[in-house]
């Protein structure tokens, strides 16, 4: 993976989350899920950028842990969108799969950093 690939992918992920959130119904549950998904989905890239500027390996691992948590939470809200019948699985599957790939890359980076420590 190229140096800036994950940075670009996390930013693109945030943009896609924004578009999905805007398409959610304006119902009480839609608004709650929208707000939660926007918060965690857009923070994935922001936290990744912070991790890239970590002051130490321990700081990098800690910040990447936040990326892992926010990505996993994004996946939870996407699952809930389908389970609550707010959107179809087909409509959100590509975004969910991207979140899963970002999560895998994040976990791999954390493991590599821990081995180097």
PDB file of N, CA and C in Angstrom:
ATOM      1  N   UNK A   1       0.844  -1.179   0.000  1.00  0.00           N
ATOM      2  CA  UNK A   1       0.000   0.000   0.000  1.00  0.00           C
ATOM      3  C   UNK A   1       0.885   1.237   0.000  1.00  0.00           C
ATOM      4  N   UNK A   2       0.564   2.173  -0.864  1.00  0.00           N
ATOM      5  CA  UNK A   2       1.316   3.410  -0.935  1.00  0.00           C
ATOM      6  C   UNK A   2       1.110   4.224   0.338  1.00  0.00           C
ATOM      7  N   UNK A   3       2.065   5.085   0.637  1.00  0.00           N
ATOM      8  CA  UNK A   3       2.059   5.881   1.864  1.00  0.00           C
ATOM      9  C   UNK A   3       0.747   6.623   2.088  1.00  0.00           C
ATOM     10  N   UNK A   4       0.226   7.272   1.068  1.00  0.00           N
ATOM     11  CA  UNK A   4      -0.962   8.106   1.245  1.00  0.00           C
ATOM     12  C   UNK A   4      -2.268   7.395   0.915  1.00  0.00           C
ATOM     13  N   UNK A   5      -2.211   6.104   0.575  1.00  0.00           N
ATOM     14  CA  UNK A   5      -3.427   5.396   0.182  1.00  0.00           C
ATOM     15  C   UNK A   5      -4.454   5.337   1.321  1.00  0.00           C
ATOM     16  N   UNK A   6      -4.017   4.989   2.516  1.00  0.00           N
ATOM     17  CA  UNK A   6      -4.965   4.901   3.623  1.00  0.00           C
ATOM     18  C   UNK A   6      -5.495   6.287   3.987  1.00  0.00           C
ATOM     19  N   UNK A   7      -4.664   7.283   3.890  1.00  0.00           N
ATOM     20  CA  UNK A   7      -5.130   8.653   4.151  1.00  0.00           C
ATOM     21  C   UNK A   7      -6.243   9.035   3.170  1.00  0.00           C
ATOM     22  N   UNK A   8      -6.035   8.743   1.899  1.00  0.00           N
ATOM     23  CA  UNK A   8      -7.032   9.048   0.875  1.00  0.00           C
ATOM     24  C   UNK A   8      -8.294   8.226   1.089  1.00  0.00           C
ATOM     25  N   UNK A   9      -8.125   6.954   1.402  1.00  0.00           N
ATOM     26  CA  UNK A   9      -9.283   6.085   1.580  1.00  0.00           C
ATOM     27  C   UNK A   9     -10.115   6.496   2.791  1.00  0.00           C
ATOM     28  N   UNK A  10      -9.459   6.914   3.873  1.00  0.00           N
ATOM     29  CA  UNK A  10     -10.227   7.337   5.043  1.00  0.00           C
ATOM     30  C   UNK A  10     -10.957   8.646   4.775  1.00  0.00           C
ATOM     31  N   UNK A  11     -10.359   9.511   3.971  1.00  0.00           N
ATOM     32  CA  UNK A  11     -11.041  10.761   3.623  1.00  0.00           C
ATOM     33  C   UNK A  11     -12.227  10.478   2.696  1.00  0.00           C
ATOM     34  N   UNK A  12     -12.017   9.619   1.717  1.00  0.00           N
ATOM     35  CA  UNK A  12     -13.120   9.230   0.825  1.00  0.00           C
ATOM     36  C   UNK A  12     -14.235   8.538   1.613  1.00  0.00           C
ATOM     37  N   UNK A  13     -13.846   7.735   2.601  1.00  0.00           N
ATOM     38  CA  UNK A  13     -14.826   7.069   3.453  1.00  0.00           C
ATOM     39  C   UNK A  13     -15.692   8.109   4.162  1.00  0.00           C
ATOM     40  N   UNK A  14     -15.072   9.144   4.698  1.00  0.00           N
ATOM     41  CA  UNK A  14     -15.812  10.206   5.389  1.00  0.00           C
ATOM     42  C   UNK A  14     -16.808  10.876   4.444  1.00  0.00           C
ATOM     43  N   UNK A  15     -16.393  11.133   3.235  1.00  0.00           N
ATOM     44  CA  UNK A  15     -17.281  11.765   2.261  1.00  0.00           C
ATOM     45  C   UNK A  15     -18.467  10.858   1.928  1.00  0.00           C
ATOM     46  N   UNK A  16     -18.205   9.582   1.816  1.00  0.00           N
ATOM     47  CA  UNK A  16     -19.278   8.632   1.529  1.00  0.00           C
ATOM     48  C   UNK A  16     -20.232   8.512   2.720  1.00  0.00           C
ATOM     49  N   UNK A  17     -19.692   8.570   3.935  1.00  0.00           N
ATOM     50  CA  UNK A  17     -20.529   8.549   5.132  1.00  0.00           C
ATOM     51  C   UNK A  17     -21.446   9.773   5.140  1.00  0.00           C
ATOM     52  N   UNK A  18     -20.908  10.927   4.792  1.00  0.00           N
ATOM     53  CA  UNK A  18     -21.712  12.156   4.745  1.00  0.00           C
ATOM     54  C   UNK A  18     -22.864  11.988   3.760  1.00  0.00           C
ATOM     55  N   UNK A  19     -22.576  11.440   2.587  1.00  0.00           N
ATOM     56  CA  UNK A  19     -23.624  11.234   1.582  1.00  0.00           C
ATOM     57  C   UNK A  19     -24.689  10.249   2.072  1.00  0.00           C
ATOM     58  N   UNK A  20     -24.239   9.174   2.718  1.00  0.00           N
ATOM     59  CA  UNK A  20     -25.192   8.198   3.252  1.00  0.00           C
ATOM     60  C   UNK A  20     -26.048   8.840   4.337  1.00  0.00           C
ATOM     61  N   UNK A  21     -25.432   9.579   5.221  1.00  0.00           N
ATOM     62  CA  UNK A  21     -26.167  10.235   6.306  1.00  0.00           C
ATOM     63  C   UNK A  21     -27.222  11.185   5.754  1.00  0.00           C
ATOM     64  N   UNK A  22     -26.884  11.910   4.709  1.00  0.00           N
ATOM     65  CA  UNK A  22     -27.843  12.837   4.095  1.00  0.00           C
ATOM     66  C   UNK A  22     -29.026  12.113   3.451  1.00  0.00           C
ATOM     67  N   UNK A  23     -28.836  10.849   3.122  1.00  0.00           N
ATOM     68  CA  UNK A  23     -29.904  10.075   2.486  1.00  0.00           C
ATOM     69  C   UNK A  23     -30.797   9.351   3.493  1.00  0.00           C
ATOM     70  N   UNK A  24     -30.435   9.383   4.766  1.00  0.00           N
ATOM     71  CA  UNK A  24     -31.256   8.718   5.778  1.00  0.00           C
ATOM     72  C   UNK A  24     -32.574   9.471   5.953  1.00  0.00           C
ATOM     73  N   UNK A  25     -33.615   8.746   6.318  1.00  0.00           N
ATOM     74  CA  UNK A  25     -34.914   9.415   6.497  1.00  0.00           C
ATOM     75  C   UNK A  25     -34.890  10.387   7.681  1.00  0.00           C
ATOM     76  N   UNK A  26     -35.695  11.426   7.568  1.00  0.00           N
ATOM     77  CA  UNK A  26     -35.792  12.429   8.624  1.00  0.00           C
ATOM     78  C   UNK A  26     -36.851  11.985   9.649  1.00  0.00           C
ATOM     79  N   UNK A  27     -36.514  10.893  10.338  1.00  0.00           N
ATOM     80  CA  UNK A  27     -37.359  10.336  11.388  1.00  0.00           C
ATOM     81  C   UNK A  27     -36.538  10.369  12.680  1.00  0.00           C
ATOM     82  N   UNK A  28     -37.169  10.164  13.824  1.00  0.00           N
ATOM     83  CA  UNK A  28     -36.373  10.185  15.062  1.00  0.00           C
ATOM     84  C   UNK A  28     -35.191   9.211  15.034  1.00  0.00           C
ATOM     85  N   UNK A  29     -35.435   7.980  14.600  1.00  0.00           N
ATOM     86  CA  UNK A  29     -34.338   7.006  14.553  1.00  0.00           C
ATOM     87  C   UNK A  29     -33.341   7.341  13.453  1.00  0.00           C
ATOM     88  N   UNK A  30     -33.823   7.845  12.341  1.00  0.00           N
ATOM     89  CA  UNK A  30     -32.926   8.245  11.255  1.00  0.00           C
ATOM     90  C   UNK A  30     -31.992   9.366  11.685  1.00  0.00           C
ATOM     91  N   UNK A  31     -32.508  10.331  12.426  1.00  0.00           N
ATOM     92  CA  UNK A  31     -31.686  11.455  12.901  1.00  0.00           C
ATOM     93  C   UNK A  31     -30.632  11.001  13.909  1.00  0.00           C
ATOM     94  N   UNK A  32     -31.023  10.106  14.816  1.00  0.00           N
ATOM     95  CA  UNK A  32     -30.069   9.608  15.815  1.00  0.00           C
ATOM     96  C   UNK A  32     -28.937   8.851  15.136  1.00  0.00           C
ATOM     97  N   UNK A  33     -29.301   7.936  14.253  1.00  0.00           N
ATOM     98  CA  UNK A  33     -28.286   7.152  13.551  1.00  0.00           C
ATOM     99  C   UNK A  33     -27.436   8.055  12.668  1.00  0.00           C
ATOM    100  N   UNK A  34     -28.057   9.009  12.011  1.00  0.00           N
ATOM    101  CA  UNK A  34     -27.340   9.968  11.171  1.00  0.00           C
ATOM    102  C   UNK A  34     -26.259  10.676  11.983  1.00  0.00           C
ATOM    103  N   UNK A  35     -26.643  11.209  13.125  1.00  0.00           N
ATOM    104  CA  UNK A  35     -25.681  11.943  13.953  1.00  0.00           C
ATOM    105  C   UNK A  35     -24.549  11.055  14.452  1.00  0.00           C
ATOM    106  N   UNK A  36     -24.884   9.858  14.881  1.00  0.00           N
ATOM    107  CA  UNK A  36     -23.861   8.936  15.380  1.00  0.00           C
ATOM    108  C   UNK A  36     -22.906   8.504  14.261  1.00  0.00           C
ATOM    109  N   UNK A  37     -23.468   8.175  13.104  1.00  0.00           N
ATOM    110  CA  UNK A  37     -22.647   7.751  11.975  1.00  0.00           C
ATOM    111  C   UNK A  37     -21.763   8.884  11.486  1.00  0.00           C
ATOM    112  N   UNK A  38     -22.302  10.085  11.419  1.00  0.00           N
ATOM    113  CA  UNK A  38     -21.493  11.231  11.010  1.00  0.00           C
ATOM    114  C   UNK A  38     -20.320  11.448  11.957  1.00  0.00           C
ATOM    115  N   UNK A  39     -20.573  11.338  13.250  1.00  0.00           N
ATOM    116  CA  UNK A  39     -19.527  11.572  14.237  1.00  0.00           C
ATOM    117  C   UNK A  39     -18.375  10.575  14.087  1.00  0.00           C
ATOM    118  N   UNK A  40     -18.715   9.294  14.069  1.00  0.00           N
ATOM    119  CA  UNK A  40     -17.635   8.300  14.027  1.00  0.00           C
ATOM    120  C   UNK A  40     -17.060   8.130  12.625  1.00  0.00           C
ATOM    121  N   UNK A  41     -17.905   8.179  11.608  1.00  0.00           N
ATOM    122  CA  UNK A  41     -17.428   7.954  10.242  1.00  0.00           C
ATOM    123  C   UNK A  41     -16.493   9.033   9.745  1.00  0.00           C
ATOM    124  N   UNK A  42     -16.740  10.271  10.150  1.00  0.00           N
ATOM    125  CA  UNK A  42     -15.846  11.349   9.718  1.00  0.00           C
ATOM    126  C   UNK A  42     -14.597  11.435  10.583  1.00  0.00           C
ATOM    127  N   UNK A  43     -14.645  10.865  11.769  1.00  0.00           N
ATOM    128  CA  UNK A  43     -13.465  10.930  12.638  1.00  0.00           C
ATOM    129  C   UNK A  43     -12.405   9.892  12.276  1.00  0.00           C
ATOM    130  N   UNK A  44     -12.757   8.894  11.488  1.00  0.00           N
ATOM    131  CA  UNK A  44     -11.790   7.870  11.088  1.00  0.00           C
ATOM    132  C   UNK A  44     -10.588   8.520  10.413  1.00  0.00           C
ATOM    133  N   UNK A  45     -10.841   9.325   9.408  1.00  0.00           N
ATOM    134  CA  UNK A  45      -9.751   9.977   8.680  1.00  0.00           C
ATOM    135  C   UNK A  45      -9.018  11.004   9.517  1.00  0.00           C
ATOM    136  N   UNK A  46      -9.746  11.753  10.325  1.00  0.00           N
ATOM    137  CA  UNK A  46      -9.112  12.764  11.176  1.00  0.00           C
ATOM    138  C   UNK A  46      -8.165  12.108  12.177  1.00  0.00           C
ATOM    139  N   UNK A  47      -8.593  11.010  12.753  1.00  0.00           N
ATOM    140  CA  UNK A  47      -7.737  10.311  13.708  1.00  0.00           C
ATOM    141  C   UNK A  47      -6.559   9.626  13.023  1.00  0.00           C
ATOM    142  N   UNK A  48      -6.757   9.157  11.810  1.00  0.00           N
ATOM    143  CA  UNK A  48      -5.637   8.573  11.067  1.00  0.00           C
ATOM    144  C   UNK A  48      -4.573   9.644  10.798  1.00  0.00           C
ATOM    145  N   UNK A  49      -5.026  10.825  10.397  1.00  0.00           N
ATOM    146  CA  UNK A  49      -4.073  11.920  10.168  1.00  0.00           C
ATOM    147  C   UNK A  49      -3.302  12.253  11.443  1.00  0.00           C
ATOM    148  N   UNK A  50      -3.993  12.237  12.564  1.00  0.00           N
ATOM    149  CA  UNK A  50      -3.324  12.500  13.843  1.00  0.00           C
ATOM    150  C   UNK A  50      -2.308  11.400  14.145  1.00  0.00           C
ATOM    151  N   UNK A  51      -2.653  10.169  13.839  1.00  0.00           N
ATOM    152  CA  UNK A  51      -1.732   9.051  14.081  1.00  0.00           C
ATOM    153  C   UNK A  51      -0.469   9.184  13.246  1.00  0.00           C
ATOM    154  N   UNK A  52      -0.619   9.662  12.031  1.00  0.00           N
ATOM    155  CA  UNK A  52       0.549   9.831  11.158  1.00  0.00           C
ATOM    156  C   UNK A  52       1.526  10.877  11.707  1.00  0.00           C
ATOM    157  N   UNK A  53       1.050  11.717  12.621  1.00  0.00           N
ATOM    158  CA  UNK A  53       1.899  12.742  13.223  1.00  0.00           C
ATOM    159  C   UNK A  53       2.227  12.406  14.681  1.00  0.00           C
ATOM    160  N   UNK A  54       2.112  11.140  15.009  1.00  0.00           N
ATOM    161  CA  UNK A  54       2.369  10.702  16.383  1.00  0.00           C
ATOM    162  C   UNK A  54       3.812  11.010  16.779  1.00  0.00           C
ATOM    163  N   UNK A  55       4.003  11.278  18.053  1.00  0.00           N
ATOM    164  CA  UNK A  55       5.309  11.655  18.564  1.00  0.00           C
ATOM    165  C   UNK A  55       6.173  10.448  18.945  1.00  0.00           C
ATOM    166  N   UNK A  56       5.549   9.287  19.030  1.00  0.00           N
ATOM    167  CA  UNK A  56       6.272   8.068  19.381  1.00  0.00           C
ATOM    168  C   UNK A  56       5.485   6.868  18.870  1.00  0.00           C
ATOM    169  N   UNK A  57       6.103   5.712  18.950  1.00  0.00           N
ATOM    170  CA  UNK A  57       5.409   4.491  18.544  1.00  0.00           C
ATOM    171  C   UNK A  57       4.207   4.230  19.441  1.00  0.00           C
ATOM    172  N   UNK A  58       4.375   4.469  20.737  1.00  0.00           N
ATOM    173  CA  UNK A  58       3.256   4.274  21.669  1.00  0.00           C
ATOM    174  C   UNK A  58       2.110   5.231  21.337  1.00  0.00           C
ATOM    175  N   UNK A  59       2.440   6.467  21.000  1.00  0.00           N
ATOM    176  CA  UNK A  59       1.420   7.443  20.618  1.00  0.00           C
ATOM    177  C   UNK A  59       0.727   7.006  19.331  1.00  0.00           C
ATOM    178  N   UNK A  60       1.497   6.499  18.367  1.00  0.00           N
ATOM    179  CA  UNK A  60       0.928   5.995  17.116  1.00  0.00           C
ATOM    180  C   UNK A  60      -0.049   4.852  17.389  1.00  0.00           C
ATOM    181  N   UNK A  61       0.364   3.909  18.217  1.00  0.00           N
ATOM    182  CA  UNK A  61      -0.485   2.753  18.534  1.00  0.00           C
ATOM    183  C   UNK A  61      -1.774   3.223  19.199  1.00  0.00           C
ATOM    184  N   UNK A  62      -1.670   4.152  20.122  1.00  0.00           N
ATOM    185  CA  UNK A  62      -2.840   4.673  20.813  1.00  0.00           C
ATOM    186  C   UNK A  62      -3.803   5.362  19.836  1.00  0.00           C
ATOM    187  N   UNK A  63      -3.260   6.202  18.968  1.00  0.00           N
ATOM    188  CA  UNK A  63      -4.112   6.932  18.023  1.00  0.00           C
ATOM    189  C   UNK A  63      -4.717   5.999  16.973  1.00  0.00           C
ATOM    190  N   UNK A  64      -3.957   5.007  16.553  1.00  0.00           N
ATOM    191  CA  UNK A  64      -4.511   4.034  15.608  1.00  0.00           C
ATOM    192  C   UNK A  64      -5.585   3.189  16.288  1.00  0.00           C
ATOM    193  N   UNK A  65      -5.481   3.001  17.593  1.00  0.00           N
ATOM    194  CA  UNK A  65      -6.533   2.317  18.336  1.00  0.00           C
ATOM    195  C   UNK A  65      -7.848   3.082  18.250  1.00  0.00           C
ATOM    196  N   UNK A  66      -7.749   4.409  18.263  1.00  0.00           N
ATOM    197  CA  UNK A  66      -8.947   5.238  18.103  1.00  0.00           C
ATOM    198  C   UNK A  66      -9.522   5.077  16.701  1.00  0.00           C
ATOM    199  N   UNK A  67      -8.648   5.015  15.689  1.00  0.00           N
ATOM    200  CA  UNK A  67      -9.106   4.779  14.317  1.00  0.00           C
ATOM    201  C   UNK A  67      -9.847   3.442  14.254  1.00  0.00           C
ATOM    202  N   UNK A  68      -9.287   2.426  14.885  1.00  0.00           N
ATOM    203  CA  UNK A  68      -9.924   1.105  14.915  1.00  0.00           C
ATOM    204  C   UNK A  68     -11.312   1.186  15.552  1.00  0.00           C
ATOM    205  N   UNK A  69     -11.414   1.842  16.691  1.00  0.00           N
ATOM    206  CA  UNK A  69     -12.694   1.956  17.394  1.00  0.00           C
ATOM    207  C   UNK A  69     -13.736   2.706  16.576  1.00  0.00           C
ATOM    208  N   UNK A  70     -13.336   3.815  15.976  1.00  0.00           N
ATOM    209  CA  UNK A  70     -14.285   4.633  15.207  1.00  0.00           C
ATOM    210  C   UNK A  70     -14.737   3.912  13.939  1.00  0.00           C
ATOM    211  N   UNK A  71     -13.838   3.165  13.319  1.00  0.00           N
ATOM    212  CA  UNK A  71     -14.211   2.396  12.132  1.00  0.00           C
ATOM    213  C   UNK A  71     -15.189   1.284  12.505  1.00  0.00           C
ATOM    214  N   UNK A  72     -14.895   0.592  13.590  1.00  0.00           N
ATOM    215  CA  UNK A  72     -15.793  -0.472  14.043  1.00  0.00           C
ATOM    216  C   UNK A  72     -17.158   0.097  14.413  1.00  0.00           C
ATOM    217  N   UNK A  73     -17.176   1.257  15.062  1.00  0.00           N
ATOM    218  CA  UNK A  73     -18.457   1.882  15.412  1.00  0.00           C
ATOM    219  C   UNK A  73     -19.231   2.274  14.154  1.00  0.00           C
ATOM    220  N   UNK A  74     -18.529   2.761  13.148  1.00  0.00           N
ATOM    221  CA  UNK A  74     -19.184   3.088  11.872  1.00  0.00           C
ATOM    222  C   UNK A  74     -19.859   1.863  11.292  1.00  0.00           C
ATOM    223  N   UNK A  75     -19.169   0.736  11.371  1.00  0.00           N
ATOM    224  CA  UNK A  75     -19.740  -0.506  10.867  1.00  0.00           C
ATOM    225  C   UNK A  75     -21.004  -0.881  11.648  1.00  0.00           C
ATOM    226  N   UNK A  76     -20.985  -0.663  12.938  1.00  0.00           N
ATOM    227  CA  UNK A  76     -22.163  -0.936  13.770  1.00  0.00           C
ATOM    228  C   UNK A  76     -23.364  -0.123  13.286  1.00  0.00           C
ATOM    229  N   UNK A  77     -23.155   1.182  13.068  1.00  0.00           N
ATOM    230  CA  UNK A  77     -24.279   2.032  12.662  1.00  0.00           C
ATOM    231  C   UNK A  77     -24.772   1.664  11.263  1.00  0.00           C
ATOM    232  N   UNK A  78     -23.878   1.263  10.384  1.00  0.00           N
ATOM    233  CA  UNK A  78     -24.296   0.827   9.049  1.00  0.00           C
ATOM    234  C   UNK A  78     -25.132  -0.457   9.166  1.00  0.00           C
ATOM    235  N   UNK A  79     -24.700  -1.380  10.030  1.00  0.00           N
ATOM    236  CA  UNK A  79     -25.482  -2.597  10.264  1.00  0.00           C
ATOM    237  C   UNK A  79     -26.871  -2.243  10.797  1.00  0.00           C
ATOM    238  N   UNK A  80     -26.926  -1.295  11.708  1.00  0.00           N
ATOM    239  CA  UNK A  80     -28.199  -0.895  12.301  1.00  0.00           C
ATOM    240  C   UNK A  80     -29.128  -0.253  11.263  1.00  0.00           C
ATOM    241  N   UNK A  81     -28.555   0.476  10.328  1.00  0.00           N
ATOM    242  CA  UNK A  81     -29.357   1.074   9.251  1.00  0.00           C
ATOM    243  C   UNK A  81     -30.116  -0.018   8.499  1.00  0.00           C
ATOM    244  N   UNK A  82     -29.431  -1.111   8.213  1.00  0.00           N
ATOM    245  CA  UNK A  82     -30.061  -2.226   7.495  1.00  0.00           C
ATOM    246  C   UNK A  82     -31.060  -2.942   8.393  1.00  0.00           C
ATOM    247  N   UNK A  83     -30.646  -3.232   9.634  1.00  0.00           N
ATOM    248  CA  UNK A  83     -31.516  -3.982  10.542  1.00  0.00           C
ATOM    249  C   UNK A  83     -32.784  -3.203  10.905  1.00  0.00           C
ATOM    250  N   UNK A  84     -32.695  -1.877  10.914  1.00  0.00           N
ATOM    251  CA  UNK A  84     -33.865  -1.048  11.204  1.00  0.00           C
ATOM    252  C   UNK A  84     -34.669  -0.749   9.940  1.00  0.00           C
ATOM    253  N   UNK A  85     -34.263  -1.323   8.823  1.00  0.00           N
ATOM    254  CA  UNK A  85     -34.925  -1.159   7.528  1.00  0.00           C
ATOM    255  C   UNK A  85     -34.983   0.306   7.088  1.00  0.00           C
ATOM    256  N   UNK A  86     -33.929   1.051   7.395  1.00  0.00           N
ATOM    257  CA  UNK A  86     -33.845   2.437   6.928  1.00  0.00           C
ATOM    258  C   UNK A  86     -33.296   2.498   5.504  1.00  0.00           C
ATOM    259  N   UNK A  87     -32.477   1.514   5.148  1.00  0.00           N
ATOM    260  CA  UNK A  87     -31.936   1.365   3.796  1.00  0.00           C
ATOM    261  C   UNK A  87     -31.670  -0.107   3.561  1.00  0.00           C
ATOM    262  N   UNK A  88     -31.541  -0.463   2.300  1.00  0.00           N
ATOM    263  CA  UNK A  88     -31.282  -1.857   1.962  1.00  0.00           C
ATOM    264  C   UNK A  88     -29.803  -2.199   2.127  1.00  0.00           C
ATOM    265  N   UNK A  89     -29.566  -3.485   2.333  1.00  0.00           N
ATOM    266  CA  UNK A  89     -28.191  -3.993   2.417  1.00  0.00           C
ATOM    267  C   UNK A  89     -27.421  -3.647   1.145  1.00  0.00           C
ATOM    268  N   UNK A  90     -28.082  -3.769   0.018  1.00  0.00           N
ATOM    269  CA  UNK A  90     -27.440  -3.492  -1.270  1.00  0.00           C
ATOM    270  C   UNK A  90     -26.928  -2.048  -1.332  1.00  0.00           C
ATOM    271  N   UNK A  91     -27.694  -1.133  -0.788  1.00  0.00           N
ATOM    272  CA  UNK A  91     -27.329   0.286  -0.856  1.00  0.00           C
ATOM    273  C   UNK A  91     -26.119   0.630   0.014  1.00  0.00           C
ATOM    274  N   UNK A  92     -25.927  -0.079   1.120  1.00  0.00           N
ATOM    275  CA  UNK A  92     -24.849   0.262   2.052  1.00  0.00           C
ATOM    276  C   UNK A  92     -23.675  -0.720   2.016  1.00  0.00           C
ATOM    277  N   UNK A  93     -23.797  -1.799   1.271  1.00  0.00           N
ATOM    278  CA  UNK A  93     -22.780  -2.861   1.330  1.00  0.00           C
ATOM    279  C   UNK A  93     -21.389  -2.387   0.889  1.00  0.00           C
ATOM    280  N   UNK A  94     -21.313  -1.564  -0.109  1.00  0.00           N
ATOM    281  CA  UNK A  94     -20.011  -1.088  -0.571  1.00  0.00           C
ATOM    282  C   UNK A  94     -19.308  -0.255   0.507  1.00  0.00           C
ATOM    283  N   UNK A  95     -20.057   0.598   1.172  1.00  0.00           N
ATOM    284  CA  UNK A  95     -19.485   1.416   2.247  1.00  0.00           C
ATOM    285  C   UNK A  95     -19.089   0.532   3.428  1.00  0.00           C
ATOM    286  N   UNK A  96     -19.911  -0.432   3.745  1.00  0.00           N
ATOM    287  CA  UNK A  96     -19.598  -1.360   4.830  1.00  0.00           C
ATOM    288  C   UNK A  96     -18.318  -2.139   4.518  1.00  0.00           C
ATOM    289  N   UNK A  97     -18.207  -2.618   3.287  1.00  0.00           N
ATOM    290  CA  UNK A  97     -17.009  -3.362   2.886  1.00  0.00           C
ATOM    291  C   UNK A  97     -15.759  -2.480   2.960  1.00  0.00           C
ATOM    292  N   UNK A  98     -15.881  -1.223   2.582  1.00  0.00           N
ATOM    293  CA  UNK A  98     -14.747  -0.308   2.678  1.00  0.00           C
ATOM    294  C   UNK A  98     -14.348  -0.104   4.135  1.00  0.00           C
ATOM    295  N   UNK A  99     -15.324   0.037   5.012  1.00  0.00           N
ATOM    296  CA  UNK A  99     -15.032   0.164   6.438  1.00  0.00           C
ATOM    297  C   UNK A  99     -14.296  -1.072   6.942  1.00  0.00           C
ATOM    298  N   UNK A 100     -14.735  -2.232   6.512  1.00  0.00           N
ATOM    299  CA  UNK A 100     -14.094  -3.478   6.923  1.00  0.00           C
ATOM    300  C   UNK A 100     -12.643  -3.544   6.437  1.00  0.00           C
ATOM    301  N   UNK A 101     -12.397  -3.087   5.223  1.00  0.00           N
ATOM    302  CA  UNK A 101     -11.028  -3.071   4.703  1.00  0.00           C
ATOM    303  C   UNK A 101     -10.157  -2.068   5.464  1.00  0.00           C
ATOM    304  N   UNK A 102     -10.704  -0.894   5.750  1.00  0.00           N
ATOM    305  CA  UNK A 102      -9.965   0.096   6.534  1.00  0.00           C
ATOM    306  C   UNK A 102      -9.655  -0.470   7.918  1.00  0.00           C
ATOM    307  N   UNK A 103     -10.627  -1.148   8.509  1.00  0.00           N
ATOM    308  CA  UNK A 103     -10.421  -1.758   9.813  1.00  0.00           C
ATOM    309  C   UNK A 103      -9.295  -2.788   9.758  1.00  0.00           C
ATOM    310  N   UNK A 104      -9.276  -3.617   8.738  1.00  0.00           N
ATOM    311  CA  UNK A 104      -8.223  -4.630   8.590  1.00  0.00           C
ATOM    312  C   UNK A 104      -6.853  -3.989   8.449  1.00  0.00           C
ATOM    313  N   UNK A 105      -6.758  -2.937   7.647  1.00  0.00           N
ATOM    314  CA  UNK A 105      -5.475  -2.246   7.474  1.00  0.00           C
ATOM    315  C   UNK A 105      -5.031  -1.584   8.768  1.00  0.00           C
ATOM    316  N   UNK A 106      -5.979  -1.049   9.508  1.00  0.00           N
ATOM    317  CA  UNK A 106      -5.665  -0.396  10.776  1.00  0.00           C
ATOM    318  C   UNK A 106      -5.126  -1.406  11.783  1.00  0.00           C
ATOM    319  N   UNK A 107      -5.809  -2.526  11.920  1.00  0.00           N
ATOM    320  CA  UNK A 107      -5.368  -3.572  12.845  1.00  0.00           C
ATOM    321  C   UNK A 107      -3.984  -4.076  12.451  1.00  0.00           C
ATOM    322  N   UNK A 108      -3.760  -4.241  11.167  1.00  0.00           N
ATOM    323  CA  UNK A 108      -2.453  -4.686  10.681  1.00  0.00           C
ATOM    324  C   UNK A 108      -1.366  -3.673  11.030  1.00  0.00           C
ATOM    325  N   UNK A 109      -1.656  -2.394  10.875  1.00  0.00           N
ATOM    326  CA  UNK A 109      -0.682  -1.351  11.217  1.00  0.00           C
ATOM    327  C   UNK A 109      -0.363  -1.355  12.709  1.00  0.00           C
ATOM    328  N   UNK A 110      -1.383  -1.563  13.520  1.00  0.00           N
ATOM    329  CA  UNK A 110      -1.173  -1.618  14.970  1.00  0.00           C
ATOM    330  C   UNK A 110      -0.287  -2.807  15.329  1.00  0.00           C
ATOM    331  N   UNK A 111      -0.573  -3.962  14.745  1.00  0.00           N
ATOM    332  CA  UNK A 111       0.232  -5.156  15.025  1.00  0.00           C
ATOM    333  C   UNK A 111       1.683  -4.949  14.603  1.00  0.00           C
ATOM    334  N   UNK A 112       1.897  -4.365  13.441  1.00  0.00           N
ATOM    335  CA  UNK A 112       3.246  -4.104  12.963  1.00  0.00           C
ATOM    336  C   UNK A 112       3.981  -3.136  13.902  1.00  0.00           C
ATOM    337  N   UNK A 113       3.305  -2.092  14.320  1.00  0.00           N
ATOM    338  CA  UNK A 113       3.911  -1.121  15.234  1.00  0.00           C
ATOM    339  C   UNK A 113       4.264  -1.762  16.570  1.00  0.00           C
ATOM    340  N   UNK A 114       3.402  -2.647  17.052  1.00  0.00           N
ATOM    341  CA  UNK A 114       3.682  -3.325  18.331  1.00  0.00           C
ATOM    342  C   UNK A 114       4.899  -4.245  18.215  1.00  0.00           C
ATOM    343  N   UNK A 115       5.068  -4.891  17.067  1.00  0.00           N
ATOM    344  CA  UNK A 115       6.237  -5.751  16.864  1.00  0.00           C
ATOM    345  C   UNK A 115       7.524  -4.942  16.835  1.00  0.00           C
ATOM    346  N   UNK A 116       7.443  -3.749  16.269  1.00  0.00           N
ATOM    347  CA  UNK A 116       8.631  -2.893  16.166  1.00  0.00           C
ATOM    348  C   UNK A 116       9.019  -2.251  17.485  1.00  0.00           C
ATOM    349  N   UNK A 117       8.057  -2.154  18.393  1.00  0.00           N
ATOM    350  CA  UNK A 117       8.282  -1.475  19.671  1.00  0.00           C
ATOM    351  C   UNK A 117       9.242  -2.213  20.533  1.00  0.00           C
TER     352      UNK A 117
END
